[in-house]
Amino acid sequence: MRNKKYILIVGMLFLLFGGYFIADKLLFSGVKPRAVDGNGFQANFFAKKSIKNSPTVILVGGGQWGDYWGQQFAQKGLVGLSLPYIGKEGLPELPEEIELTYFENASLGLKRKQRLIQTK
């Protein structure tokens, strides 16, 4: 009786985790984000693997909506950069505290990132 309980629990866990990964593969048709942390800024970068000279949309504010729209733009063949400027570790608490060089660093870093992707 006890072995049956363990088999049942293991089977349920297998179905739960296996079902999650199968559903994710079947239902998710988007572009996964690539985290960019360095060069003076933090962001999530969204682009299809085969981009060449695509226009870029920088979504200032980042967060869930920035990530959502970055993914939507990437699915349409554009490049999306979800750029938070407050509220994350290493970023200021208030918008007034952000340095404008942060946005310049993001723009320059985006150009470097696109060059790297295009050469792969």
PDB file of N, CA and C in Angstrom:
ATOM      1  N   MET A   1       0.819  -1.196   0.000  1.00  0.00           N
ATOM      2  CA  MET A   1       0.000   0.000   0.000  1.00  0.00           C
ATOM      3  C   MET A   1       0.864   1.262   0.000  1.00  0.00           C
ATOM      4  N   ARG A   2       1.932   1.205   0.809  1.00  0.00           N
ATOM      5  CA  ARG A   2       2.804   2.372   0.929  1.00  0.00           C
ATOM      6  C   ARG A   2       3.538   2.651  -0.391  1.00  0.00           C
ATOM      7  N   ASN A   3       3.968   1.587  -1.078  1.00  0.00           N
ATOM      8  CA  ASN A   3       4.651   1.737  -2.359  1.00  0.00           C
ATOM      9  C   ASN A   3       3.742   2.363  -3.406  1.00  0.00           C
ATOM     10  N   LYS A   4       2.467   2.028  -3.351  1.00  0.00           N
ATOM     11  CA  LYS A   4       1.510   2.585  -4.300  1.00  0.00           C
ATOM     12  C   LYS A   4       1.388   4.098  -4.120  1.00  0.00           C
ATOM     13  N   LYS A   5       1.442   4.553  -2.872  1.00  0.00           N
ATOM     14  CA  LYS A   5       1.374   5.998  -2.601  1.00  0.00           C
ATOM     15  C   LYS A   5       2.574   6.704  -3.226  1.00  0.00           C
ATOM     16  N   TYR A   6       3.771   6.132  -3.049  1.00  0.00           N
ATOM     17  CA  TYR A   6       4.976   6.743  -3.608  1.00  0.00           C
ATOM     18  C   TYR A   6       4.921   6.755  -5.135  1.00  0.00           C
ATOM     19  N   ILE A   7       4.468   5.663  -5.710  1.00  0.00           N
ATOM     20  CA  ILE A   7       4.356   5.602  -7.163  1.00  0.00           C
ATOM     21  C   ILE A   7       3.359   6.644  -7.655  1.00  0.00           C
ATOM     22  N   LEU A   8       2.251   6.773  -6.943  1.00  0.00           N
ATOM     23  CA  LEU A   8       1.236   7.756  -7.310  1.00  0.00           C
ATOM     24  C   LEU A   8       1.786   9.187  -7.200  1.00  0.00           C
ATOM     25  N   ILE A   9       2.506   9.479  -6.136  1.00  0.00           N
ATOM     26  CA  ILE A   9       3.082  10.825  -5.938  1.00  0.00           C
ATOM     27  C   ILE A   9       4.118  11.127  -7.009  1.00  0.00           C
ATOM     28  N   VAL A  10       4.997  10.179  -7.282  1.00  0.00           N
ATOM     29  CA  VAL A  10       6.021  10.373  -8.313  1.00  0.00           C
ATOM     30  C   VAL A  10       5.371  10.541  -9.679  1.00  0.00           C
ATOM     31  N   GLY A  11       4.361   9.758  -9.964  1.00  0.00           N
ATOM     32  CA  GLY A  11       3.641   9.885 -11.232  1.00  0.00           C
ATOM     33  C   GLY A  11       2.976  11.236 -11.383  1.00  0.00           C
ATOM     34  N   MET A  12       2.372  11.718 -10.308  1.00  0.00           N
ATOM     35  CA  MET A  12       1.719  13.038 -10.354  1.00  0.00           C
ATOM     36  C   MET A  12       2.745  14.146 -10.561  1.00  0.00           C
ATOM     37  N   LEU A  13       3.890  14.060  -9.883  1.00  0.00           N
ATOM     38  CA  LEU A  13       4.942  15.062 -10.063  1.00  0.00           C
ATOM     39  C   LEU A  13       5.481  15.031 -11.488  1.00  0.00           C
ATOM     40  N   PHE A  14       5.659  13.828 -12.027  1.00  0.00           N
ATOM     41  CA  PHE A  14       6.130  13.694 -13.405  1.00  0.00           C
ATOM     42  C   PHE A  14       5.140  14.331 -14.374  1.00  0.00           C
ATOM     43  N   LEU A  15       3.858  14.043 -14.184  1.00  0.00           N
ATOM     44  CA  LEU A  15       2.833  14.643 -15.050  1.00  0.00           C
ATOM     45  C   LEU A  15       2.790  16.159 -14.911  1.00  0.00           C
ATOM     46  N   LEU A  16       2.931  16.650 -13.701  1.00  0.00           N
ATOM     47  CA  LEU A  16       2.899  18.091 -13.463  1.00  0.00           C
ATOM     48  C   LEU A  16       4.062  18.787 -14.149  1.00  0.00           C
ATOM     49  N   PHE A  17       5.282  18.334 -13.895  1.00  0.00           N
ATOM     50  CA  PHE A  17       6.451  18.971 -14.495  1.00  0.00           C
ATOM     51  C   PHE A  17       6.536  18.712 -15.999  1.00  0.00           C
ATOM     52  N   GLY A  18       6.281  17.468 -16.393  1.00  0.00           N
ATOM     53  CA  GLY A  18       6.302  17.144 -17.815  1.00  0.00           C
ATOM     54  C   GLY A  18       5.243  17.928 -18.579  1.00  0.00           C
ATOM     55  N   GLY A  19       4.054  18.033 -17.998  1.00  0.00           N
ATOM     56  CA  GLY A  19       2.974  18.795 -18.625  1.00  0.00           C
ATOM     57  C   GLY A  19       3.326  20.264 -18.762  1.00  0.00           C
ATOM     58  N   TYR A  20       3.993  20.809 -17.756  1.00  0.00           N
ATOM     59  CA  TYR A  20       4.401  22.211 -17.824  1.00  0.00           C
ATOM     60  C   TYR A  20       5.337  22.441 -19.003  1.00  0.00           C
ATOM     61  N   PHE A  21       6.348  21.612 -19.143  1.00  0.00           N
ATOM     62  CA  PHE A  21       7.321  21.805 -20.222  1.00  0.00           C
ATOM     63  C   PHE A  21       6.714  21.550 -21.593  1.00  0.00           C
ATOM     64  N   ILE A  22       5.829  20.575 -21.686  1.00  0.00           N
ATOM     65  CA  ILE A  22       5.154  20.323 -22.960  1.00  0.00           C
ATOM     66  C   ILE A  22       4.243  21.494 -23.316  1.00  0.00           C
ATOM     67  N   ALA A  23       3.463  21.979 -22.349  1.00  0.00           N
ATOM     68  CA  ALA A  23       2.573  23.121 -22.601  1.00  0.00           C
ATOM     69  C   ALA A  23       3.378  24.367 -22.958  1.00  0.00           C
ATOM     70  N   ASP A  24       4.490  24.574 -22.278  1.00  0.00           N
ATOM     71  CA  ASP A  24       5.331  25.734 -22.580  1.00  0.00           C
ATOM     72  C   ASP A  24       5.843  25.659 -24.011  1.00  0.00           C
ATOM     73  N   LYS A  25       6.261  24.501 -24.435  1.00  0.00           N
ATOM     74  CA  LYS A  25       6.784  24.314 -25.798  1.00  0.00           C
ATOM     75  C   LYS A  25       5.687  24.513 -26.832  1.00  0.00           C
ATOM     76  N   LEU A  26       4.489  24.011 -26.556  1.00  0.00           N
ATOM     77  CA  LEU A  26       3.393  24.105 -27.513  1.00  0.00           C
ATOM     78  C   LEU A  26       2.757  25.493 -27.551  1.00  0.00           C
ATOM     79  N   LEU A  27       2.605  26.120 -26.397  1.00  0.00           N
ATOM     80  CA  LEU A  27       1.871  27.376 -26.326  1.00  0.00           C
ATOM     81  C   LEU A  27       2.753  28.602 -26.508  1.00  0.00           C
ATOM     82  N   PHE A  28       4.016  28.524 -26.142  1.00  0.00           N
ATOM     83  CA  PHE A  28       4.886  29.693 -26.219  1.00  0.00           C
ATOM     84  C   PHE A  28       5.497  29.790 -27.602  1.00  0.00           C
ATOM     85  N   SER A  29       5.118  30.811 -28.323  1.00  0.00           N
ATOM     86  CA  SER A  29       5.661  31.003 -29.674  1.00  0.00           C
ATOM     87  C   SER A  29       6.459  32.304 -29.746  1.00  0.00           C
ATOM     88  N   GLY A  30       6.798  32.848 -28.608  1.00  0.00           N
ATOM     89  CA  GLY A  30       7.459  34.141 -28.576  1.00  0.00           C
ATOM     90  C   GLY A  30       8.967  34.053 -28.619  1.00  0.00           C
ATOM     91  N   VAL A  31       9.559  35.193 -28.427  1.00  0.00           N
ATOM     92  CA  VAL A  31      11.004  35.326 -28.395  1.00  0.00           C
ATOM     93  C   VAL A  31      11.406  35.456 -26.935  1.00  0.00           C
ATOM     94  N   LYS A  32      12.286  34.605 -26.494  1.00  0.00           N
ATOM     95  CA  LYS A  32      12.708  34.643 -25.088  1.00  0.00           C
ATOM     96  C   LYS A  32      13.686  35.803 -24.869  1.00  0.00           C
ATOM     97  N   PRO A  33      13.613  36.441 -23.693  1.00  0.00           N
ATOM     98  CA  PRO A  33      14.504  37.565 -23.418  1.00  0.00           C
ATOM     99  C   PRO A  33      15.931  37.114 -23.148  1.00  0.00           C
ATOM    100  N   ARG A  34      16.856  37.981 -23.497  1.00  0.00           N
ATOM    101  CA  ARG A  34      18.260  37.785 -23.132  1.00  0.00           C
ATOM    102  C   ARG A  34      18.622  38.932 -22.197  1.00  0.00           C
ATOM    103  N   ALA A  35      19.003  38.574 -20.996  1.00  0.00           N
ATOM    104  CA  ALA A  35      19.335  39.594 -19.998  1.00  0.00           C
ATOM    105  C   ALA A  35      20.653  40.263 -20.362  1.00  0.00           C
ATOM    106  N   VAL A  36      20.653  41.576 -20.246  1.00  0.00           N
ATOM    107  CA  VAL A  36      21.859  42.368 -20.465  1.00  0.00           C
ATOM    108  C   VAL A  36      22.126  43.094 -19.157  1.00  0.00           C
ATOM    109  N   ASP A  37      23.257  42.824 -18.545  1.00  0.00           N
ATOM    110  CA  ASP A  37      23.610  43.470 -17.284  1.00  0.00           C
ATOM    111  C   ASP A  37      25.085  43.802 -17.334  1.00  0.00           C
ATOM    112  N   GLY A  38      25.371  45.019 -17.584  1.00  0.00           N
ATOM    113  CA  GLY A  38      26.756  45.454 -17.674  1.00  0.00           C
ATOM    114  C   GLY A  38      26.849  46.670 -18.563  1.00  0.00           C
ATOM    115  N   ASN A  39      28.024  47.181 -18.712  1.00  0.00           N
ATOM    116  CA  ASN A  39      28.254  48.379 -19.516  1.00  0.00           C
ATOM    117  C   ASN A  39      27.410  49.551 -19.036  1.00  0.00           C
ATOM    118  N   GLY A  40      27.073  49.564 -17.749  1.00  0.00           N
ATOM    119  CA  GLY A  40      26.372  50.703 -17.173  1.00  0.00           C
ATOM    120  C   GLY A  40      24.868  50.679 -17.308  1.00  0.00           C
ATOM    121  N   PHE A  41      24.260  49.558 -17.667  1.00  0.00           N
ATOM    122  CA  PHE A  41      22.799  49.480 -17.723  1.00  0.00           C
ATOM    123  C   PHE A  41      22.337  48.036 -17.567  1.00  0.00           C
ATOM    124  N   GLN A  42      21.036  47.882 -17.262  1.00  0.00           N
ATOM    125  CA  GLN A  42      20.395  46.578 -17.149  1.00  0.00           C
ATOM    126  C   GLN A  42      19.191  46.573 -18.084  1.00  0.00           C
ATOM    127  N   ALA A  43      18.962  45.477 -18.784  1.00  0.00           N
ATOM    128  CA  ALA A  43      17.818  45.421 -19.689  1.00  0.00           C
ATOM    129  C   ALA A  43      17.532  43.975 -20.076  1.00  0.00           C
ATOM    130  N   ASN A  44      16.385  43.791 -20.702  1.00  0.00           N
ATOM    131  CA  ASN A  44      16.046  42.537 -21.363  1.00  0.00           C
ATOM    132  C   ASN A  44      15.995  42.816 -22.856  1.00  0.00           C
ATOM    133  N   PHE A  45      16.725  42.011 -23.620  1.00  0.00           N
ATOM    134  CA  PHE A  45      16.873  42.190 -25.061  1.00  0.00           C
ATOM    135  C   PHE A  45      16.027  41.146 -25.767  1.00  0.00           C
ATOM    136  N   PHE A  46      15.171  41.586 -26.681  1.00  0.00           N
ATOM    137  CA  PHE A  46      14.289  40.690 -27.433  1.00  0.00           C
ATOM    138  C   PHE A  46      14.573  40.839 -28.916  1.00  0.00           C
ATOM    139  N   ALA A  47      14.945  39.740 -29.567  1.00  0.00           N
ATOM    140  CA  ALA A  47      15.173  39.763 -31.015  1.00  0.00           C
ATOM    141  C   ALA A  47      15.141  38.334 -31.527  1.00  0.00           C
ATOM    142  N   LYS A  48      14.653  38.177 -32.761  1.00  0.00           N
ATOM    143  CA  LYS A  48      14.729  36.871 -33.397  1.00  0.00           C
ATOM    144  C   LYS A  48      16.188  36.599 -33.718  1.00  0.00           C
ATOM    145  N   LYS A  49      16.517  35.360 -33.933  1.00  0.00           N
ATOM    146  CA  LYS A  49      17.910  34.997 -34.192  1.00  0.00           C
ATOM    147  C   LYS A  49      18.419  35.539 -35.517  1.00  0.00           C
ATOM    148  N   SER A  50      17.538  35.763 -36.449  1.00  0.00           N
ATOM    149  CA  SER A  50      17.960  36.186 -37.792  1.00  0.00           C
ATOM    150  C   SER A  50      17.634  37.655 -38.052  1.00  0.00           C
ATOM    151  N   ILE A  51      18.164  38.554 -37.225  1.00  0.00           N
ATOM    152  CA  ILE A  51      17.913  39.972 -37.461  1.00  0.00           C
ATOM    153  C   ILE A  51      19.073  40.574 -38.240  1.00  0.00           C
ATOM    154  N   LYS A  52      18.750  41.451 -39.133  1.00  0.00           N
ATOM    155  CA  LYS A  52      19.765  42.202 -39.882  1.00  0.00           C
ATOM    156  C   LYS A  52      19.229  43.613 -40.051  1.00  0.00           C
ATOM    157  N   ASN A  53      19.903  44.569 -39.458  1.00  0.00           N
ATOM    158  CA  ASN A  53      19.537  45.976 -39.581  1.00  0.00           C
ATOM    159  C   ASN A  53      18.068  46.230 -39.267  1.00  0.00           C
ATOM    160  N   SER A  54      17.570  45.617 -38.212  1.00  0.00           N
ATOM    161  CA  SER A  54      16.178  45.803 -37.810  1.00  0.00           C
ATOM    162  C   SER A  54      16.039  47.058 -36.972  1.00  0.00           C
ATOM    163  N   PRO A  55      14.935  47.782 -37.143  1.00  0.00           N
ATOM    164  CA  PRO A  55      14.671  48.920 -36.269  1.00  0.00           C
ATOM    165  C   PRO A  55      14.523  48.445 -34.821  1.00  0.00           C
ATOM    166  N   THR A  56      14.865  49.315 -33.894  1.00  0.00           N
ATOM    167  CA  THR A  56      14.835  48.974 -32.483  1.00  0.00           C
ATOM    168  C   THR A  56      13.867  49.867 -31.739  1.00  0.00           C
ATOM    169  N   VAL A  57      13.115  49.264 -30.832  1.00  0.00           N
ATOM    170  CA  VAL A  57      12.213  50.000 -29.955  1.00  0.00           C
ATOM    171  C   VAL A  57      12.763  49.857 -28.541  1.00  0.00           C
ATOM    172  N   ILE A  58      13.091  50.990 -27.919  1.00  0.00           N
ATOM    173  CA  ILE A  58      13.565  50.974 -26.533  1.00  0.00           C
ATOM    174  C   ILE A  58      12.379  51.312 -25.646  1.00  0.00           C
ATOM    175  N   LEU A  59      12.035  50.375 -24.780  1.00  0.00           N
ATOM    176  CA  LEU A  59      10.878  50.514 -23.896  1.00  0.00           C
ATOM    177  C   LEU A  59      11.371  50.972 -22.533  1.00  0.00           C
ATOM    178  N   VAL A  60      11.380  52.282 -22.331  1.00  0.00           N
ATOM    179  CA  VAL A  60      11.891  52.869 -21.100  1.00  0.00           C
ATOM    180  C   VAL A  60      10.904  52.580 -19.979  1.00  0.00           C
ATOM    181  N   GLY A  61      11.400  52.065 -18.896  1.00  0.00           N
ATOM    182  CA  GLY A  61      10.570  51.702 -17.761  1.00  0.00           C
ATOM    183  C   GLY A  61      10.663  50.226 -17.469  1.00  0.00           C
ATOM    184  N   GLY A  62      10.868  49.423 -18.511  1.00  0.00           N
ATOM    185  CA  GLY A  62      11.060  47.987 -18.332  1.00  0.00           C
ATOM    186  C   GLY A  62       9.880  47.319 -17.661  1.00  0.00           C
ATOM    187  N   GLY A  63      10.156  46.387 -16.796  1.00  0.00           N
ATOM    188  CA  GLY A  63       9.113  45.681 -16.065  1.00  0.00           C
ATOM    189  C   GLY A  63       8.348  44.702 -16.939  1.00  0.00           C
ATOM    190  N   GLN A  64       7.215  44.245 -16.418  1.00  0.00           N
ATOM    191  CA  GLN A  64       6.420  43.248 -17.131  1.00  0.00           C
ATOM    192  C   GLN A  64       5.882  43.783 -18.450  1.00  0.00           C
ATOM    193  N   TRP A  65       5.420  45.019 -18.452  1.00  0.00           N
ATOM    194  CA  TRP A  65       4.877  45.576 -19.697  1.00  0.00           C
ATOM    195  C   TRP A  65       5.977  45.802 -20.715  1.00  0.00           C
ATOM    196  N   GLY A  66       7.129  46.265 -20.275  1.00  0.00           N
ATOM    197  CA  GLY A  66       8.249  46.439 -21.190  1.00  0.00           C
ATOM    198  C   GLY A  66       8.675  45.121 -21.810  1.00  0.00           C
ATOM    199  N   ASP A  67       8.694  44.060 -20.989  1.00  0.00           N
ATOM    200  CA  ASP A  67       9.048  42.735 -21.498  1.00  0.00           C
ATOM    201  C   ASP A  67       7.983  42.220 -22.466  1.00  0.00           C
ATOM    202  N   TYR A  68       6.712  42.445 -22.117  1.00  0.00           N
ATOM    203  CA  TYR A  68       5.631  42.001 -22.998  1.00  0.00           C
ATOM    204  C   TYR A  68       5.734  42.677 -24.364  1.00  0.00           C
ATOM    205  N   TRP A  69       5.871  43.992 -24.361  1.00  0.00           N
ATOM    206  CA  TRP A  69       5.925  44.710 -25.635  1.00  0.00           C
ATOM    207  C   TRP A  69       7.228  44.446 -26.376  1.00  0.00           C
ATOM    208  N   GLY A  70       8.325  44.249 -25.663  1.00  0.00           N
ATOM    209  CA  GLY A  70       9.580  43.880 -26.313  1.00  0.00           C
ATOM    210  C   GLY A  70       9.438  42.578 -27.068  1.00  0.00           C
ATOM    211  N   GLN A  71       8.753  41.621 -26.463  1.00  0.00           N
ATOM    212  CA  GLN A  71       8.514  40.339 -27.117  1.00  0.00           C
ATOM    213  C   GLN A  71       7.593  40.511 -28.329  1.00  0.00           C
ATOM    214  N   GLN A  72       6.564  41.325 -28.190  1.00  0.00           N
ATOM    215  CA  GLN A  72       5.632  41.555 -29.298  1.00  0.00           C
ATOM    216  C   GLN A  72       6.344  42.201 -30.490  1.00  0.00           C
ATOM    217  N   PHE A  73       7.182  43.192 -30.228  1.00  0.00           N
ATOM    218  CA  PHE A  73       7.930  43.842 -31.311  1.00  0.00           C
ATOM    219  C   PHE A  73       8.892  42.856 -31.978  1.00  0.00           C
ATOM    220  N   ALA A  74       9.536  42.011 -31.169  1.00  0.00           N
ATOM    221  CA  ALA A  74      10.484  41.035 -31.723  1.00  0.00           C
ATOM    222  C   ALA A  74       9.770  40.030 -32.621  1.00  0.00           C
ATOM    223  N   GLN A  75       8.562  39.637 -32.261  1.00  0.00           N
ATOM    224  CA  GLN A  75       7.808  38.702 -33.099  1.00  0.00           C
ATOM    225  C   GLN A  75       7.479  39.316 -34.458  1.00  0.00           C
ATOM    226  N   LYS A  76       7.407  40.640 -34.518  1.00  0.00           N
ATOM    227  CA  LYS A  76       7.104  41.329 -35.776  1.00  0.00           C
ATOM    228  C   LYS A  76       8.365  41.670 -36.570  1.00  0.00           C
ATOM    229  N   GLY A  77       9.536  41.208 -36.089  1.00  0.00           N
ATOM    230  CA  GLY A  77      10.778  41.418 -36.822  1.00  0.00           C
ATOM    231  C   GLY A  77      11.577  42.624 -36.377  1.00  0.00           C
ATOM    232  N   LEU A  78      11.129  43.294 -35.333  1.00  0.00           N
ATOM    233  CA  LEU A  78      11.882  44.423 -34.782  1.00  0.00           C
ATOM    234  C   LEU A  78      12.739  43.926 -33.623  1.00  0.00           C
ATOM    235  N   VAL A  79      13.504  44.815 -33.054  1.00  0.00           N
ATOM    236  CA  VAL A  79      14.284  44.511 -31.852  1.00  0.00           C
ATOM    237  C   VAL A  79      13.661  45.295 -30.714  1.00  0.00           C
ATOM    238  N   GLY A  80      13.444  44.640 -29.587  1.00  0.00           N
ATOM    239  CA  GLY A  80      12.899  45.303 -28.406  1.00  0.00           C
ATOM    240  C   GLY A  80      13.899  45.280 -27.273  1.00  0.00           C
ATOM    241  N   LEU A  81      14.020  46.415 -26.602  1.00  0.00           N
ATOM    242  CA  LEU A  81      14.892  46.504 -25.427  1.00  0.00           C
ATOM    243  C   LEU A  81      14.059  47.047 -24.282  1.00  0.00           C
ATOM    244  N   SER A  82      13.789  46.196 -23.303  1.00  0.00           N
ATOM    245  CA  SER A  82      13.035  46.592 -22.123  1.00  0.00           C
ATOM    246  C   SER A  82      14.025  47.129 -21.101  1.00  0.00           C
ATOM    247  N   LEU A  83      13.974  48.438 -20.875  1.00  0.00           N
ATOM    248  CA  LEU A  83      15.003  49.137 -20.098  1.00  0.00           C
ATOM    249  C   LEU A  83      14.430  49.718 -18.809  1.00  0.00           C
ATOM    250  N   PRO A  84      14.571  49.001 -17.683  1.00  0.00           N
ATOM    251  CA  PRO A  84      14.130  49.577 -16.411  1.00  0.00           C
ATOM    252  C   PRO A  84      15.118  50.640 -15.949  1.00  0.00           C
ATOM    253  N   TYR A  85      14.627  51.608 -15.220  1.00  0.00           N
ATOM    254  CA  TYR A  85      15.550  52.622 -14.699  1.00  0.00           C
ATOM    255  C   TYR A  85      15.392  52.853 -13.202  1.00  0.00           C
ATOM    256  N   ILE A  86      14.420  52.201 -12.570  1.00  0.00           N
ATOM    257  CA  ILE A  86      14.293  52.248 -11.110  1.00  0.00           C
ATOM    258  C   ILE A  86      13.789  50.897 -10.616  1.00  0.00           C
ATOM    259  N   GLY A  87      13.943  50.688  -9.309  1.00  0.00           N
ATOM    260  CA  GLY A  87      13.305  49.560  -8.658  1.00  0.00           C
ATOM    261  C   GLY A  87      14.023  48.227  -8.712  1.00  0.00           C
ATOM    262  N   LYS A  88      15.069  48.087  -9.484  1.00  0.00           N
ATOM    263  CA  LYS A  88      15.821  46.836  -9.507  1.00  0.00           C
ATOM    264  C   LYS A  88      17.116  47.027  -8.726  1.00  0.00           C
ATOM    265  N   GLU A  89      17.710  45.928  -8.330  1.00  0.00           N
ATOM    266  CA  GLU A  89      18.961  46.000  -7.588  1.00  0.00           C
ATOM    267  C   GLU A  89      20.028  46.700  -8.434  1.00  0.00           C
ATOM    268  N   GLY A  90      20.682  47.663  -7.839  1.00  0.00           N
ATOM    269  CA  GLY A  90      21.709  48.417  -8.548  1.00  0.00           C
ATOM    270  C   GLY A  90      21.182  49.660  -9.241  1.00  0.00           C
ATOM    271  N   LEU A  91      19.861  49.860  -9.211  1.00  0.00           N
ATOM    272  CA  LEU A  91      19.260  51.045  -9.821  1.00  0.00           C
ATOM    273  C   LEU A  91      18.682  51.932  -8.724  1.00  0.00           C
ATOM    274  N   PRO A  92      18.513  53.219  -9.005  1.00  0.00           N
ATOM    275  CA  PRO A  92      17.979  54.125  -7.986  1.00  0.00           C
ATOM    276  C   PRO A  92      16.545  53.776  -7.582  1.00  0.00           C
ATOM    277  N   GLU A  93      16.140  54.284  -6.435  1.00  0.00           N
ATOM    278  CA  GLU A  93      14.773  54.090  -5.953  1.00  0.00           C
ATOM    279  C   GLU A  93      13.805  55.068  -6.611  1.00  0.00           C
ATOM    280  N   LEU A  94      14.269  56.267  -6.915  1.00  0.00           N
ATOM    281  CA  LEU A  94      13.407  57.307  -7.472  1.00  0.00           C
ATOM    282  C   LEU A  94      13.877  57.711  -8.870  1.00  0.00           C
ATOM    283  N   PRO A  95      12.943  58.063  -9.765  1.00  0.00           N
ATOM    284  CA  PRO A  95      13.330  58.466 -11.123  1.00  0.00           C
ATOM    285  C   PRO A  95      14.243  59.688 -11.163  1.00  0.00           C
ATOM    286  N   GLU A  96      14.109  60.562 -10.184  1.00  0.00           N
ATOM    287  CA  GLU A  96      14.935  61.774 -10.168  1.00  0.00           C
ATOM    288  C   GLU A  96      16.412  61.472  -9.958  1.00  0.00           C
ATOM    289  N   GLU A  97      16.713  60.286  -9.447  1.00  0.00           N
ATOM    290  CA  GLU A  97      18.087  59.941  -9.112  1.00  0.00           C
ATOM    291  C   GLU A  97      18.854  59.302 -10.272  1.00  0.00           C
ATOM    292  N   ILE A  98      18.189  59.003 -11.371  1.00  0.00           N
ATOM    293  CA  ILE A  98      18.861  58.328 -12.482  1.00  0.00           C
ATOM    294  C   ILE A  98      19.726  59.315 -13.258  1.00  0.00           C
ATOM    295  N   GLU A  99      20.903  58.889 -13.602  1.00  0.00           N
ATOM    296  CA  GLU A  99      21.799  59.705 -14.419  1.00  0.00           C
ATOM    297  C   GLU A  99      21.440  59.511 -15.887  1.00  0.00           C
ATOM    298  N   LEU A 100      21.504  60.548 -16.686  1.00  0.00           N
ATOM    299  CA  LEU A 100      21.168  60.448 -18.103  1.00  0.00           C
ATOM    300  C   LEU A 100      22.171  59.587 -18.872  1.00  0.00           C
ATOM    301  N   THR A 101      23.362  59.439 -18.334  1.00  0.00           N
ATOM    302  CA  THR A 101      24.342  58.568 -18.991  1.00  0.00           C
ATOM    303  C   THR A 101      23.869  57.113 -19.018  1.00  0.00           C
ATOM    304  N   TYR A 102      22.956  56.758 -18.100  1.00  0.00           N
ATOM    305  CA  TYR A 102      22.386  55.410 -18.085  1.00  0.00           C
ATOM    306  C   TYR A 102      21.728  55.101 -19.433  1.00  0.00           C
ATOM    307  N   PHE A 103      20.966  56.041 -19.967  1.00  0.00           N
ATOM    308  CA  PHE A 103      20.272  55.844 -21.235  1.00  0.00           C
ATOM    309  C   PHE A 103      21.251  55.868 -22.414  1.00  0.00           C
ATOM    310  N   GLU A 104      22.279  56.695 -22.295  1.00  0.00           N
ATOM    311  CA  GLU A 104      23.316  56.714 -23.331  1.00  0.00           C
ATOM    312  C   GLU A 104      24.053  55.363 -23.359  1.00  0.00           C
ATOM    313  N   ASN A 105      24.379  54.840 -22.177  1.00  0.00           N
ATOM    314  CA  ASN A 105      25.035  53.528 -22.098  1.00  0.00           C
ATOM    315  C   ASN A 105      24.161  52.437 -22.715  1.00  0.00           C
ATOM    316  N   ALA A 106      22.858  52.516 -22.489  1.00  0.00           N
ATOM    317  CA  ALA A 106      21.939  51.522 -23.061  1.00  0.00           C
ATOM    318  C   ALA A 106      21.931  51.613 -24.579  1.00  0.00           C
ATOM    319  N   SER A 107      21.921  52.815 -25.110  1.00  0.00           N
ATOM    320  CA  SER A 107      21.913  52.996 -26.562  1.00  0.00           C
ATOM    321  C   SER A 107      23.199  52.450 -27.184  1.00  0.00           C
ATOM    322  N   LEU A 108      24.325  52.766 -26.584  1.00  0.00           N
ATOM    323  CA  LEU A 108      25.607  52.272 -27.099  1.00  0.00           C
ATOM    324  C   LEU A 108      25.722  50.756 -26.931  1.00  0.00           C
ATOM    325  N   GLY A 109      25.256  50.238 -25.800  1.00  0.00           N
ATOM    326  CA  GLY A 109      25.295  48.800 -25.568  1.00  0.00           C
ATOM    327  C   GLY A 109      24.392  48.046 -26.531  1.00  0.00           C
ATOM    328  N   LEU A 110      23.271  48.645 -26.884  1.00  0.00           N
ATOM    329  CA  LEU A 110      22.359  48.026 -27.847  1.00  0.00           C
ATOM    330  C   LEU A 110      23.007  47.925 -29.217  1.00  0.00           C
ATOM    331  N   LYS A 111      23.719  48.953 -29.620  1.00  0.00           N
ATOM    332  CA  LYS A 111      24.420  48.906 -30.907  1.00  0.00           C
ATOM    333  C   LYS A 111      25.459  47.785 -30.919  1.00  0.00           C
ATOM    334  N   ARG A 112      26.210  47.632 -29.821  1.00  0.00           N
ATOM    335  CA  ARG A 112      27.207  46.563 -29.728  1.00  0.00           C
ATOM    336  C   ARG A 112      26.534  45.189 -29.761  1.00  0.00           C
ATOM    337  N   LYS A 113      25.430  45.058 -29.035  1.00  0.00           N
ATOM    338  CA  LYS A 113      24.718  43.781 -28.972  1.00  0.00           C
ATOM    339  C   LYS A 113      24.201  43.388 -30.350  1.00  0.00           C
ATOM    340  N   GLN A 114      23.658  44.335 -31.089  1.00  0.00           N
ATOM    341  CA  GLN A 114      23.143  44.023 -32.419  1.00  0.00           C
ATOM    342  C   GLN A 114      24.279  43.621 -33.360  1.00  0.00           C
ATOM    343  N   ARG A 115      25.427  44.272 -33.257  1.00  0.00           N
ATOM    344  CA  ARG A 115      26.560  43.880 -34.090  1.00  0.00           C
ATOM    345  C   ARG A 115      27.010  42.458 -33.785  1.00  0.00           C
ATOM    346  N   LEU A 116      27.030  42.104 -32.490  1.00  0.00           N
ATOM    347  CA  LEU A 116      27.424  40.755 -32.101  1.00  0.00           C
ATOM    348  C   LEU A 116      26.445  39.717 -32.647  1.00  0.00           C
ATOM    349  N   ILE A 117      25.175  39.989 -32.577  1.00  0.00           N
ATOM    350  CA  ILE A 117      24.164  39.038 -33.053  1.00  0.00           C
ATOM    351  C   ILE A 117      24.245  38.894 -34.558  1.00  0.00           C
ATOM    352  N   GLN A 118      24.476  39.974 -35.269  1.00  0.00           N
ATOM    353  CA  GLN A 118      24.507  39.925 -36.722  1.00  0.00           C
ATOM    354  C   GLN A 118      25.715  39.155 -37.241  1.00  0.00           C
ATOM    355  N   THR A 119      26.798  39.122 -36.457  1.00  0.00           N
ATOM    356  CA  THR A 119      27.994  38.417 -36.911  1.00  0.00           C
ATOM    357  C   THR A 119      27.952  36.926 -36.589  1.00  0.00           C
ATOM    358  N   LYS A 120      27.008  36.493 -35.745  1.00  0.00           N
ATOM    359  CA  LYS A 120      26.908  35.067 -35.381  1.00  0.00           C
ATOM    360  C   LYS A 120      26.272  34.272 -36.484  1.00  0.00           C
TER     361      LYS A 120
END
